[in-house]
Amino acid sequence: MSEIHAKDIKIEFSENNKIGKADNKIEGKTKDEFIGDLTIFKIEEDESNQKDSQCKIICSNIKSLLTEKVFIFSSLSISCLLFISTIITFWVSDYLKNVLKIDPETIFILFVITCVTAPALGIVGGGIIVQKGGGYESKHSILYCLVFSCIAGGLAILSLTPVMDTIIGFGVVLWLFLFFGGALVLYIVGILLDSLTTRNLKGAGNSLNLIINASIGYLPGPYLYGIMFKSLKEKNPKLPFSLALLCSWIGVLFILLALIFRYRKFKNNEKKSEEENYKIQNEAYGEIIKGTIQDFSKKDEYQVFI
């Protein structure tokens, strides 16, 4: 007769290794079958605990990210830019054809020049300017992004004037708008990730940023513009495109808020650094004074001995 103990369960096996005294569900099984069942149960239990642990980590990361104000407002500003650029990509050809009455060949050339070259050159030009200012990790890097976004917002206001009624005016304003949009997007992403302290948060933050960009930026843009154009095409067909460009001022607001919280964060870090340096200096001075006192004590002892 042999026995197996599993936590508080005691199971007795007969001479032919069949389970004797046990629950009805396992009675009659061999010893090897029972051990196999226990092994499978242990593996399933470990997998369940691992999934629960992963869910807790994901929830903890999301909770931490939602408290990072620089991250949230930077991500929203990127989403605003992607919202506008998606509308331009999907609807600019239709706008030029049906509103400004431009021929298809000119539309194709204008689309290539504006939508392809402007963002690419903007990334290069903006990168050179920001790198000379210390890179996206510097304190004032987000200030460059705010300036770029304000210039783009100023260009968006021109869409309400007759400047964009001609093909040349429309092409120049749109090119400059996309240029300054491209100049800020790469570095606002860098600032967004730089605001996160740990490696785990950076990975989770990148994933959450992509979700926000897709759900707020890419997804609703073309649909909302289509609704606006359908409702206003009889009264003022130019207004929906102007409103889409003017949404850049919402992005300016988000970048401004991110700038405020980033400067506040840098100020708090500088204050903590000063306090730590002051503490280190006090400890160093204390050691020096302590050593000096000990030296004087030894000197006095020597004089007394003489």
C-alpha atoms as a PDB file:
ATOM      1  CA  MET A   1       0.000   0.000   0.000  1.00  0.00           C
ATOM      2  CA  SER A   2       1.460   3.423  -1.002  1.00  0.00           C
ATOM      3  CA  GLU A   3       0.260   6.976  -0.414  1.00  0.00           C
ATOM      4  CA  ILE A   4       0.439  10.373  -2.192  1.00  0.00           C
ATOM      5  CA  HIS A   5      -0.139  13.607  -0.338  1.00  0.00           C
ATOM      6  CA  ALA A   6      -1.244  16.677  -2.397  1.00  0.00           C
ATOM      7  CA  LYS A   7      -1.693  19.646  -0.069  1.00  0.00           C
ATOM      8  CA  ASP A   8      -4.486  18.484   2.290  1.00  0.00           C
ATOM      9  CA  ILE A   9      -5.475  15.461   0.164  1.00  0.00           C
ATOM     10  CA  LYS A  10      -4.367  11.971   1.137  1.00  0.00           C
ATOM     11  CA  ILE A  11      -4.779   9.248  -1.471  1.00  0.00           C
ATOM     12  CA  GLU A  12      -4.118   5.535  -0.805  1.00  0.00           C
ATOM     13  CA  PHE A  13      -3.062   3.129  -3.563  1.00  0.00           C
ATOM     14  CA  SER A  14      -3.623  -0.618  -3.471  1.00  0.00           C
ATOM     15  CA  GLU A  15      -1.012  -3.202  -4.360  1.00  0.00           C
ATOM     16  CA  ASN A  16      -1.887  -3.008  -8.099  1.00  0.00           C
ATOM     17  CA  ASN A  17      -1.370   0.800  -7.997  1.00  0.00           C
ATOM     18  CA  LYS A  18      -5.126   1.479  -8.303  1.00  0.00           C
ATOM     19  CA  ILE A  19      -6.626   4.357  -6.313  1.00  0.00           C
ATOM     20  CA  GLY A  20      -8.612   3.006  -3.413  1.00  0.00           C
ATOM     21  CA  LYS A  21      -9.831   5.672  -0.982  1.00  0.00           C
ATOM     22  CA  ALA A  22     -10.371   8.857  -2.990  1.00  0.00           C
ATOM     23  CA  ASP A  23     -12.970  11.057  -4.664  1.00  0.00           C
ATOM     24  CA  ASN A  24     -15.296   9.307  -7.159  1.00  0.00           C
ATOM     25  CA  LYS A  25     -13.844  11.346 -10.071  1.00  0.00           C
ATOM     26  CA  ILE A  26     -10.380   9.842  -9.707  1.00  0.00           C
ATOM     27  CA  GLU A  27     -11.188   6.504  -8.111  1.00  0.00           C
ATOM     28  CA  GLY A  28      -9.866   3.566 -10.121  1.00  0.00           C
ATOM     29  CA  LYS A  29      -7.045   5.500 -11.837  1.00  0.00           C
ATOM     30  CA  THR A  30      -3.495   4.253 -11.716  1.00  0.00           C
ATOM     31  CA  LYS A  31      -0.768   6.040  -9.843  1.00  0.00           C
ATOM     32  CA  ASP A  32       0.904   7.270 -13.064  1.00  0.00           C
ATOM     33  CA  GLU A  33      -2.399   8.560 -14.471  1.00  0.00           C
ATOM     34  CA  PHE A  34      -3.108  10.464 -11.288  1.00  0.00           C
ATOM     35  CA  ILE A  35       0.383  12.058 -11.242  1.00  0.00           C
ATOM     36  CA  GLY A  36      -0.112  13.016 -14.919  1.00  0.00           C
ATOM     37  CA  ASP A  37      -3.403  14.703 -14.063  1.00  0.00           C
ATOM     38  CA  LEU A  38      -1.728  16.624 -11.238  1.00  0.00           C
ATOM     39  CA  THR A  39       1.043  17.789 -13.629  1.00  0.00           C
ATOM     40  CA  ILE A  40      -1.490  19.057 -16.212  1.00  0.00           C
ATOM     41  CA  PHE A  41      -3.424  20.844 -13.482  1.00  0.00           C
ATOM     42  CA  LYS A  42      -0.201  22.489 -12.244  1.00  0.00           C
ATOM     43  CA  ILE A  43       0.696  23.704 -15.769  1.00  0.00           C
ATOM     44  CA  GLU A  44      -2.799  25.124 -16.306  1.00  0.00           C
ATOM     45  CA  GLU A  45      -2.640  26.830 -12.928  1.00  0.00           C
ATOM     46  CA  ASP A  46       0.768  28.395 -13.759  1.00  0.00           C
ATOM     47  CA  GLU A  47      -0.519  29.647 -17.131  1.00  0.00           C
ATOM     48  CA  SER A  48      -3.563  31.183 -15.451  1.00  0.00           C
ATOM     49  CA  ASN A  49      -1.383  32.922 -12.862  1.00  0.00           C
ATOM     50  CA  GLN A  50       0.925  34.182 -15.619  1.00  0.00           C
ATOM     51  CA  LYS A  51      -2.022  35.679 -17.553  1.00  0.00           C
ATOM     52  CA  ASP A  52      -3.316  37.342 -14.397  1.00  0.00           C
ATOM     53  CA  SER A  53       0.152  38.766 -13.753  1.00  0.00           C
ATOM     54  CA  GLN A  54       0.405  40.134 -17.309  1.00  0.00           C
ATOM     55  CA  CYS A  55      -3.024  41.766 -17.022  1.00  0.00           C
ATOM     56  CA  LYS A  56      -1.984  43.413 -13.766  1.00  0.00           C
ATOM     57  CA  ILE A  57       1.217  44.752 -15.388  1.00  0.00           C
ATOM     58  CA  ILE A  58      -0.703  46.130 -18.393  1.00  0.00           C
ATOM     59  CA  CYS A  59      -3.289  47.819 -16.158  1.00  0.00           C
ATOM     60  CA  SER A  60      -0.542  49.254 -13.966  1.00  0.00           C
ATOM     61  CA  ASN A  61       1.319  50.649 -17.012  1.00  0.00           C
ATOM     62  CA  ILE A  62      -1.843  52.231 -18.439  1.00  0.00           C
ATOM     63  CA  LYS A  63      -2.655  53.781 -15.070  1.00  0.00           C
ATOM     64  CA  SER A  64       0.866  55.232 -14.861  1.00  0.00           C
ATOM     65  CA  LEU A  65       0.722  56.551 -18.442  1.00  0.00           C
ATOM     66  CA  LEU A  66      -2.570  58.349 -17.835  1.00  0.00           C
ATOM     67  CA  THR A  67      -0.892  60.346 -15.057  1.00  0.00           C
ATOM     68  CA  GLU A  68       1.904  61.507 -17.405  1.00  0.00           C
ATOM     69  CA  LYS A  69       0.494  64.827 -18.635  1.00  0.00           C
ATOM     70  CA  VAL A  70       3.324  65.532 -21.097  1.00  0.00           C
ATOM     71  CA  PHE A  71       2.753  62.144 -22.705  1.00  0.00           C
ATOM     72  CA  ILE A  72      -1.038  62.575 -22.954  1.00  0.00           C
ATOM     73  CA  PHE A  73      -1.006  66.087 -24.445  1.00  0.00           C
ATOM     74  CA  SER A  74       1.861  65.264 -26.820  1.00  0.00           C
ATOM     75  CA  SER A  75      -0.017  62.205 -28.075  1.00  0.00           C
ATOM     76  CA  LEU A  76      -3.197  64.262 -28.571  1.00  0.00           C
ATOM     77  CA  SER A  77      -1.264  66.890 -30.546  1.00  0.00           C
ATOM     78  CA  ILE A  78       0.149  64.192 -32.836  1.00  0.00           C
ATOM     79  CA  SER A  79      -3.356  62.786 -33.308  1.00  0.00           C
ATOM     80  CA  CYS A  80      -4.603  66.249 -34.287  1.00  0.00           C
ATOM     81  CA  LEU A  81      -1.864  66.565 -36.903  1.00  0.00           C
ATOM     82  CA  LEU A  82      -2.626  63.091 -38.281  1.00  0.00           C
ATOM     83  CA  PHE A  83      -6.330  63.957 -38.340  1.00  0.00           C
ATOM     84  CA  ILE A  84      -5.622  66.922 -40.655  1.00  0.00           C
ATOM     85  CA  SER A  85      -3.030  65.162 -42.818  1.00  0.00           C
ATOM     86  CA  THR A  86      -5.390  62.210 -43.393  1.00  0.00           C
ATOM     87  CA  ILE A  87      -8.144  64.584 -44.519  1.00  0.00           C
ATOM     88  CA  ILE A  88      -5.719  66.286 -46.912  1.00  0.00           C
ATOM     89  CA  THR A  89      -4.515  62.980 -48.330  1.00  0.00           C
ATOM     90  CA  PHE A  90      -8.039  61.639 -48.935  1.00  0.00           C
ATOM     91  CA  TRP A  91      -9.907  64.779 -49.979  1.00  0.00           C
ATOM     92  CA  VAL A  92      -7.510  67.318 -51.507  1.00  0.00           C
ATOM     93  CA  SER A  93      -7.926  65.890 -55.008  1.00  0.00           C
ATOM     94  CA  ASP A  94     -11.706  66.017 -54.738  1.00  0.00           C
ATOM     95  CA  TYR A  95     -11.536  69.579 -53.377  1.00  0.00           C
ATOM     96  CA  LEU A  96      -9.353  70.777 -56.238  1.00  0.00           C
ATOM     97  CA  LYS A  97     -11.510  69.066 -58.850  1.00  0.00           C
ATOM     98  CA  ASN A  98     -15.015  69.927 -57.638  1.00  0.00           C
ATOM     99  CA  VAL A  99     -14.471  73.210 -55.778  1.00  0.00           C
ATOM    100  CA  LEU A 100     -11.546  74.977 -57.465  1.00  0.00           C
ATOM    101  CA  LYS A 101     -12.250  73.325 -60.855  1.00  0.00           C
ATOM    102  CA  ILE A 102      -8.629  72.337 -61.559  1.00  0.00           C
ATOM    103  CA  ASP A 103      -7.795  69.897 -64.358  1.00  0.00           C
ATOM    104  CA  PRO A 104      -6.668  66.356 -63.323  1.00  0.00           C
ATOM    105  CA  GLU A 105      -3.094  66.662 -64.645  1.00  0.00           C
ATOM    106  CA  THR A 106      -2.429  69.773 -62.566  1.00  0.00           C
ATOM    107  CA  ILE A 107      -4.012  68.085 -59.543  1.00  0.00           C
ATOM    108  CA  PHE A 108      -1.644  65.121 -59.867  1.00  0.00           C
ATOM    109  CA  ILE A 109       1.448  67.352 -60.085  1.00  0.00           C
ATOM    110  CA  LEU A 110       0.297  69.507 -57.164  1.00  0.00           C
ATOM    111  CA  PHE A 111      -0.472  66.449 -55.029  1.00  0.00           C
ATOM    112  CA  VAL A 112       3.005  64.985 -55.587  1.00  0.00           C
ATOM    113  CA  ILE A 113       4.772  68.281 -54.882  1.00  0.00           C
ATOM    114  CA  THR A 114       2.838  69.126 -51.716  1.00  0.00           C
ATOM    115  CA  CYS A 115       1.914  65.825 -50.062  1.00  0.00           C
ATOM    116  CA  VAL A 116       5.190  64.023 -50.807  1.00  0.00           C
ATOM    117  CA  THR A 117       8.000  66.595 -50.687  1.00  0.00           C
ATOM    118  CA  ALA A 118       6.719  68.985 -48.000  1.00  0.00           C
ATOM    119  CA  PRO A 119       6.525  66.555 -45.004  1.00  0.00           C
ATOM    120  CA  ALA A 120       9.834  64.903 -45.938  1.00  0.00           C
ATOM    121  CA  LEU A 121      11.694  68.201 -46.204  1.00  0.00           C
ATOM    122  CA  GLY A 122       9.954  69.400 -43.053  1.00  0.00           C
ATOM    123  CA  ILE A 123      11.322  66.458 -41.067  1.00  0.00           C
ATOM    124  CA  VAL A 124      14.857  67.155 -42.339  1.00  0.00           C
ATOM    125  CA  GLY A 125      14.665  70.923 -41.812  1.00  0.00           C
ATOM    126  CA  GLY A 126      13.002  70.669 -38.411  1.00  0.00           C
ATOM    127  CA  GLY A 127      15.526  68.042 -37.357  1.00  0.00           C
ATOM    128  CA  ILE A 128      18.460  70.324 -38.152  1.00  0.00           C
ATOM    129  CA  ILE A 129      16.939  73.202 -36.176  1.00  0.00           C
ATOM    130  CA  VAL A 130      16.032  71.090 -33.133  1.00  0.00           C
ATOM    131  CA  GLN A 131      19.417  69.313 -33.079  1.00  0.00           C
ATOM    132  CA  LYS A 132      21.194  72.665 -32.996  1.00  0.00           C
ATOM    133  CA  GLY A 133      19.010  73.535 -30.015  1.00  0.00           C
ATOM    134  CA  GLY A 134      20.126  70.430 -28.098  1.00  0.00           C
ATOM    135  CA  GLY A 135      17.885  67.651 -29.484  1.00  0.00           C
ATOM    136  CA  TYR A 136      14.488  66.488 -28.292  1.00  0.00           C
ATOM    137  CA  GLU A 137      15.870  65.627 -24.834  1.00  0.00           C
ATOM    138  CA  SER A 138      16.699  69.274 -24.128  1.00  0.00           C
ATOM    139  CA  LYS A 139      14.428  71.451 -22.033  1.00  0.00           C
ATOM    140  CA  HIS A 140      13.504  73.846 -24.855  1.00  0.00           C
ATOM    141  CA  SER A 141      12.949  71.308 -27.634  1.00  0.00           C
ATOM    142  CA  ILE A 142       9.177  71.444 -27.203  1.00  0.00           C
ATOM    143  CA  LEU A 143       9.333  75.231 -27.645  1.00  0.00           C
ATOM    144  CA  TYR A 144      10.467  74.671 -31.255  1.00  0.00           C
ATOM    145  CA  CYS A 145       7.468  72.390 -31.766  1.00  0.00           C
ATOM    146  CA  LEU A 146       5.165  75.110 -30.416  1.00  0.00           C
ATOM    147  CA  VAL A 147       6.645  77.661 -32.839  1.00  0.00           C
ATOM    148  CA  PHE A 148       6.253  75.281 -35.794  1.00  0.00           C
ATOM    149  CA  SER A 149       2.648  74.529 -34.850  1.00  0.00           C
ATOM    150  CA  CYS A 150       1.812  78.240 -34.482  1.00  0.00           C
ATOM    151  CA  ILE A 151       3.229  78.936 -37.961  1.00  0.00           C
ATOM    152  CA  ALA A 152       1.106  76.091 -39.368  1.00  0.00           C
ATOM    153  CA  GLY A 153      -1.930  77.511 -37.543  1.00  0.00           C
ATOM    154  CA  GLY A 154      -1.249  80.938 -39.054  1.00  0.00           C
ATOM    155  CA  LEU A 155      -1.131  79.408 -42.520  1.00  0.00           C
ATOM    156  CA  ALA A 156      -4.433  77.659 -41.808  1.00  0.00           C
ATOM    157  CA  ILE A 157      -6.063  81.062 -41.239  1.00  0.00           C
ATOM    158  CA  LEU A 158      -5.123  81.990 -44.813  1.00  0.00           C
ATOM    159  CA  SER A 159      -7.560  79.312 -45.991  1.00  0.00           C
ATOM    160  CA  LEU A 160     -10.375  81.708 -45.040  1.00  0.00           C
ATOM    161  CA  THR A 161      -9.001  84.392 -47.394  1.00  0.00           C
ATOM    162  CA  PRO A 162      -9.002  84.576 -51.232  1.00  0.00           C
ATOM    163  CA  VAL A 163      -5.295  83.611 -51.207  1.00  0.00           C
ATOM    164  CA  MET A 164      -6.210  79.929 -51.605  1.00  0.00           C
ATOM    165  CA  ASP A 165      -8.721  80.489 -54.391  1.00  0.00           C
ATOM    166  CA  THR A 166      -5.958  80.211 -57.006  1.00  0.00           C
ATOM    167  CA  ILE A 167      -3.958  77.086 -57.720  1.00  0.00           C
ATOM    168  CA  ILE A 168      -0.617  78.780 -56.956  1.00  0.00           C
ATOM    169  CA  GLY A 169      -1.791  80.274 -53.669  1.00  0.00           C
ATOM    170  CA  PHE A 170      -3.395  76.997 -52.628  1.00  0.00           C
ATOM    171  CA  GLY A 171      -0.249  75.016 -53.480  1.00  0.00           C
ATOM    172  CA  VAL A 172       2.134  77.376 -51.641  1.00  0.00           C
ATOM    173  CA  VAL A 173       0.019  77.584 -48.468  1.00  0.00           C
ATOM    174  CA  LEU A 174      -0.597  73.828 -48.362  1.00  0.00           C
ATOM    175  CA  TRP A 175       3.093  73.059 -48.978  1.00  0.00           C
ATOM    176  CA  LEU A 176       4.197  75.330 -46.126  1.00  0.00           C
ATOM    177  CA  PHE A 177       1.481  73.929 -43.857  1.00  0.00           C
ATOM    178  CA  LEU A 178       2.651  70.341 -44.416  1.00  0.00           C
ATOM    179  CA  PHE A 179       6.307  71.401 -44.161  1.00  0.00           C
ATOM    180  CA  PHE A 180       5.917  72.812 -40.646  1.00  0.00           C
ATOM    181  CA  GLY A 181       3.661  69.917 -39.675  1.00  0.00           C
ATOM    182  CA  GLY A 182       6.375  67.472 -40.696  1.00  0.00           C
ATOM    183  CA  ALA A 183       8.995  69.575 -38.882  1.00  0.00           C
ATOM    184  CA  LEU A 184       7.349  69.057 -35.507  1.00  0.00           C
ATOM    185  CA  VAL A 185       5.886  65.541 -35.642  1.00  0.00           C
ATOM    186  CA  LEU A 186       9.113  63.554 -35.316  1.00  0.00           C
ATOM    187  CA  TYR A 187      10.348  65.542 -32.337  1.00  0.00           C
ATOM    188  CA  ILE A 188       7.058  65.667 -30.505  1.00  0.00           C
ATOM    189  CA  VAL A 189       7.181  61.848 -30.625  1.00  0.00           C
ATOM    190  CA  GLY A 190      10.689  61.970 -29.152  1.00  0.00           C
ATOM    191  CA  ILE A 191       9.525  64.344 -26.407  1.00  0.00           C
ATOM    192  CA  LEU A 192       6.571  62.053 -25.748  1.00  0.00           C
ATOM    193  CA  LEU A 193       8.816  59.026 -25.131  1.00  0.00           C
ATOM    194  CA  ASP A 194      11.423  61.085 -23.270  1.00  0.00           C
ATOM    195  CA  SER A 195       8.772  62.091 -20.740  1.00  0.00           C
ATOM    196  CA  LEU A 196       8.472  58.446 -19.652  1.00  0.00           C
ATOM    197  CA  THR A 197      10.988  57.360 -17.043  1.00  0.00           C
ATOM    198  CA  THR A 198      11.249  53.559 -17.208  1.00  0.00           C
ATOM    199  CA  ARG A 199      11.846  51.196 -20.114  1.00  0.00           C
ATOM    200  CA  ASN A 200       8.569  49.344 -19.517  1.00  0.00           C
ATOM    201  CA  LEU A 201       6.629  52.616 -19.648  1.00  0.00           C
ATOM    202  CA  LYS A 202       8.347  53.611 -22.902  1.00  0.00           C
ATOM    203  CA  GLY A 203       7.235  50.374 -24.571  1.00  0.00           C
ATOM    204  CA  ALA A 204       3.701  50.630 -23.216  1.00  0.00           C
ATOM    205  CA  GLY A 205       3.618  54.345 -24.054  1.00  0.00           C
ATOM    206  CA  ASN A 206       4.578  53.729 -27.663  1.00  0.00           C
ATOM    207  CA  SER A 207       1.765  51.180 -27.991  1.00  0.00           C
ATOM    208  CA  LEU A 208      -0.804  53.439 -26.337  1.00  0.00           C
ATOM    209  CA  ASN A 209       0.299  56.366 -28.501  1.00  0.00           C
ATOM    210  CA  LEU A 210      -0.309  54.318 -31.664  1.00  0.00           C
ATOM    211  CA  ILE A 211      -3.788  53.385 -30.414  1.00  0.00           C
ATOM    212  CA  ILE A 212      -4.618  57.037 -29.681  1.00  0.00           C
ATOM    213  CA  ASN A 213      -3.269  58.158 -33.066  1.00  0.00           C
ATOM    214  CA  ALA A 214      -5.272  55.555 -34.950  1.00  0.00           C
ATOM    215  CA  SER A 215      -8.538  56.075 -33.054  1.00  0.00           C
ATOM    216  CA  ILE A 216      -8.491  59.889 -32.881  1.00  0.00           C
ATOM    217  CA  GLY A 217      -6.280  60.784 -35.842  1.00  0.00           C
ATOM    218  CA  TYR A 218      -6.424  58.372 -38.765  1.00  0.00           C
ATOM    219  CA  LEU A 219      -9.874  56.863 -38.286  1.00  0.00           C
ATOM    220  CA  PRO A 220     -12.382  59.744 -37.947  1.00  0.00           C
ATOM    221  CA  GLY A 221     -10.729  62.351 -40.215  1.00  0.00           C
ATOM    222  CA  PRO A 222     -11.958  61.395 -43.707  1.00  0.00           C
ATOM    223  CA  TYR A 223     -15.412  60.420 -42.423  1.00  0.00           C
ATOM    224  CA  LEU A 224     -16.025  63.667 -40.523  1.00  0.00           C
ATOM    225  CA  TYR A 225     -14.824  65.779 -43.444  1.00  0.00           C
ATOM    226  CA  GLY A 226     -17.176  63.883 -45.760  1.00  0.00           C
ATOM    227  CA  ILE A 227     -20.118  64.667 -43.462  1.00  0.00           C
ATOM    228  CA  MET A 228     -19.170  68.371 -43.295  1.00  0.00           C
ATOM    229  CA  PHE A 229     -18.684  68.647 -47.058  1.00  0.00           C
ATOM    230  CA  LYS A 230     -21.979  66.919 -47.777  1.00  0.00           C
ATOM    231  CA  SER A 231     -23.887  69.309 -45.493  1.00  0.00           C
ATOM    232  CA  LEU A 232     -22.108  72.496 -46.664  1.00  0.00           C
ATOM    233  CA  LYS A 233     -21.331  71.891 -50.341  1.00  0.00           C
ATOM    234  CA  GLU A 234     -24.400  73.857 -51.498  1.00  0.00           C
ATOM    235  CA  LYS A 235     -23.863  76.873 -49.200  1.00  0.00           C
ATOM    236  CA  ASN A 236     -20.065  77.118 -48.845  1.00  0.00           C
ATOM    237  CA  PRO A 237     -18.046  74.217 -50.299  1.00  0.00           C
ATOM    238  CA  LYS A 238     -14.701  75.811 -49.294  1.00  0.00           C
ATOM    239  CA  LEU A 239     -15.544  76.002 -45.592  1.00  0.00           C
ATOM    240  CA  PRO A 240     -15.068  72.277 -44.679  1.00  0.00           C
ATOM    241  CA  PHE A 241     -11.470  72.280 -45.955  1.00  0.00           C
ATOM    242  CA  SER A 242     -10.750  75.523 -44.096  1.00  0.00           C
ATOM    243  CA  LEU A 243     -12.222  74.087 -40.889  1.00  0.00           C
ATOM    244  CA  ALA A 244     -10.054  70.985 -41.267  1.00  0.00           C
ATOM    245  CA  LEU A 245      -6.895  73.120 -41.483  1.00  0.00           C
ATOM    246  CA  LEU A 246      -8.018  75.303 -38.582  1.00  0.00           C
ATOM    247  CA  CYS A 247      -8.123  72.189 -36.375  1.00  0.00           C
ATOM    248  CA  SER A 248      -4.350  72.738 -36.166  1.00  0.00           C
ATOM    249  CA  TRP A 249      -5.051  75.295 -33.414  1.00  0.00           C
ATOM    250  CA  ILE A 250      -6.371  72.465 -31.261  1.00  0.00           C
ATOM    251  CA  GLY A 251      -2.970  70.846 -31.715  1.00  0.00           C
ATOM    252  CA  VAL A 252      -1.309  74.140 -30.757  1.00  0.00           C
ATOM    253  CA  LEU A 253      -3.300  74.115 -27.506  1.00  0.00           C
ATOM    254  CA  PHE A 254      -2.225  70.547 -26.730  1.00  0.00           C
ATOM    255  CA  ILE A 255       1.445  71.370 -27.401  1.00  0.00           C
ATOM    256  CA  LEU A 256       1.180  74.461 -25.207  1.00  0.00           C
ATOM    257  CA  LEU A 257      -0.182  72.352 -22.341  1.00  0.00           C
ATOM    258  CA  ALA A 258       2.565  69.762 -22.878  1.00  0.00           C
ATOM    259  CA  LEU A 259       5.136  72.600 -22.801  1.00  0.00           C
ATOM    260  CA  ILE A 260       3.794  73.926 -19.485  1.00  0.00           C
ATOM    261  CA  PHE A 261       3.911  70.516 -17.802  1.00  0.00           C
ATOM    262  CA  ARG A 262       7.325  69.697 -19.327  1.00  0.00           C
ATOM    263  CA  TYR A 263       8.857  72.927 -17.978  1.00  0.00           C
ATOM    264  CA  ARG A 264       7.259  72.239 -14.609  1.00  0.00           C
ATOM    265  CA  LYS A 265       8.746  68.739 -14.619  1.00  0.00           C
ATOM    266  CA  PHE A 266      12.212  70.055 -15.492  1.00  0.00           C
ATOM    267  CA  LYS A 267      11.907  72.645 -12.709  1.00  0.00           C
ATOM    268  CA  ASN A 268      11.007  69.956 -10.152  1.00  0.00           C
ATOM    269  CA  ASN A 269      13.900  67.769 -11.334  1.00  0.00           C
ATOM    270  CA  GLU A 270      16.322  70.706 -11.059  1.00  0.00           C
ATOM    271  CA  LYS A 271      15.056  71.434  -7.548  1.00  0.00           C
ATOM    272  CA  LYS A 272      15.541  67.797  -6.511  1.00  0.00           C
ATOM    273  CA  SER A 273      19.021  67.818  -8.041  1.00  0.00           C
ATOM    274  CA  GLU A 274      19.947  70.963  -6.095  1.00  0.00           C
ATOM    275  CA  GLU A 275      18.668  69.431  -2.858  1.00  0.00           C
ATOM    276  CA  GLU A 276      20.691  66.263  -3.463  1.00  0.00           C
ATOM    277  CA  ASN A 277      23.838  68.287  -4.250  1.00  0.00           C
ATOM    278  CA  TYR A 278      23.303  70.368  -1.106  1.00  0.00           C
ATOM    279  CA  LYS A 279      22.913  67.191   0.940  1.00  0.00           C
ATOM    280  CA  ILE A 280      26.080  65.691  -0.563  1.00  0.00           C
ATOM    281  CA  GLN A 281      28.017  68.901   0.134  1.00  0.00           C
ATOM    282  CA  ASN A 282      26.809  68.980   3.747  1.00  0.00           C
ATOM    283  CA  GLU A 283      27.874  65.363   4.213  1.00  0.00           C
ATOM    284  CA  ALA A 284      31.282  66.158   2.689  1.00  0.00           C
ATOM    285  CA  TYR A 285      31.732  69.213   4.927  1.00  0.00           C
ATOM    286  CA  GLY A 286      30.691  67.115   7.903  1.00  0.00           C
ATOM    287  CA  GLU A 287      33.355  64.532   7.116  1.00  0.00           C
ATOM    288  CA  ILE A 288      35.978  67.276   6.749  1.00  0.00           C
ATOM    289  CA  ILE A 289      35.025  68.886  10.076  1.00  0.00           C
ATOM    290  CA  LYS A 290      34.952  65.484  11.768  1.00  0.00           C
ATOM    291  CA  GLY A 291      38.401  64.663  10.424  1.00  0.00           C
ATOM    292  CA  THR A 292      39.748  68.059  11.503  1.00  0.00           C
ATOM    293  CA  ILE A 293      38.417  67.587  15.038  1.00  0.00           C
ATOM    294  CA  GLN A 294      40.000  64.156  15.242  1.00  0.00           C
ATOM    295  CA  ASP A 295      43.333  65.602  14.081  1.00  0.00           C
ATOM    296  CA  PHE A 296      43.204  68.284  16.782  1.00  0.00           C
ATOM    297  CA  SER A 297      42.311  65.684  19.390  1.00  0.00           C
ATOM    298  CA  LYS A 298      45.307  63.557  18.441  1.00  0.00           C
ATOM    299  CA  LYS A 299      47.541  66.644  18.546  1.00  0.00           C
ATOM    300  CA  ASP A 300      46.353  67.568  22.046  1.00  0.00           C
ATOM    301  CA  GLU A 301      46.898  64.012  23.266  1.00  0.00           C
ATOM    302  CA  TYR A 302      50.451  64.117  21.887  1.00  0.00           C
ATOM    303  CA  GLN A 303      51.225  67.400  23.619  1.00  0.00           C
ATOM    304  CA  VAL A 304      49.888  66.085  26.937  1.00  0.00           C
ATOM    305  CA  PHE A 305      51.990  62.952  26.578  1.00  0.00           C
ATOM    306  CA  ILE A 306      55.164  65.076  26.053  1.00  0.00           C
END
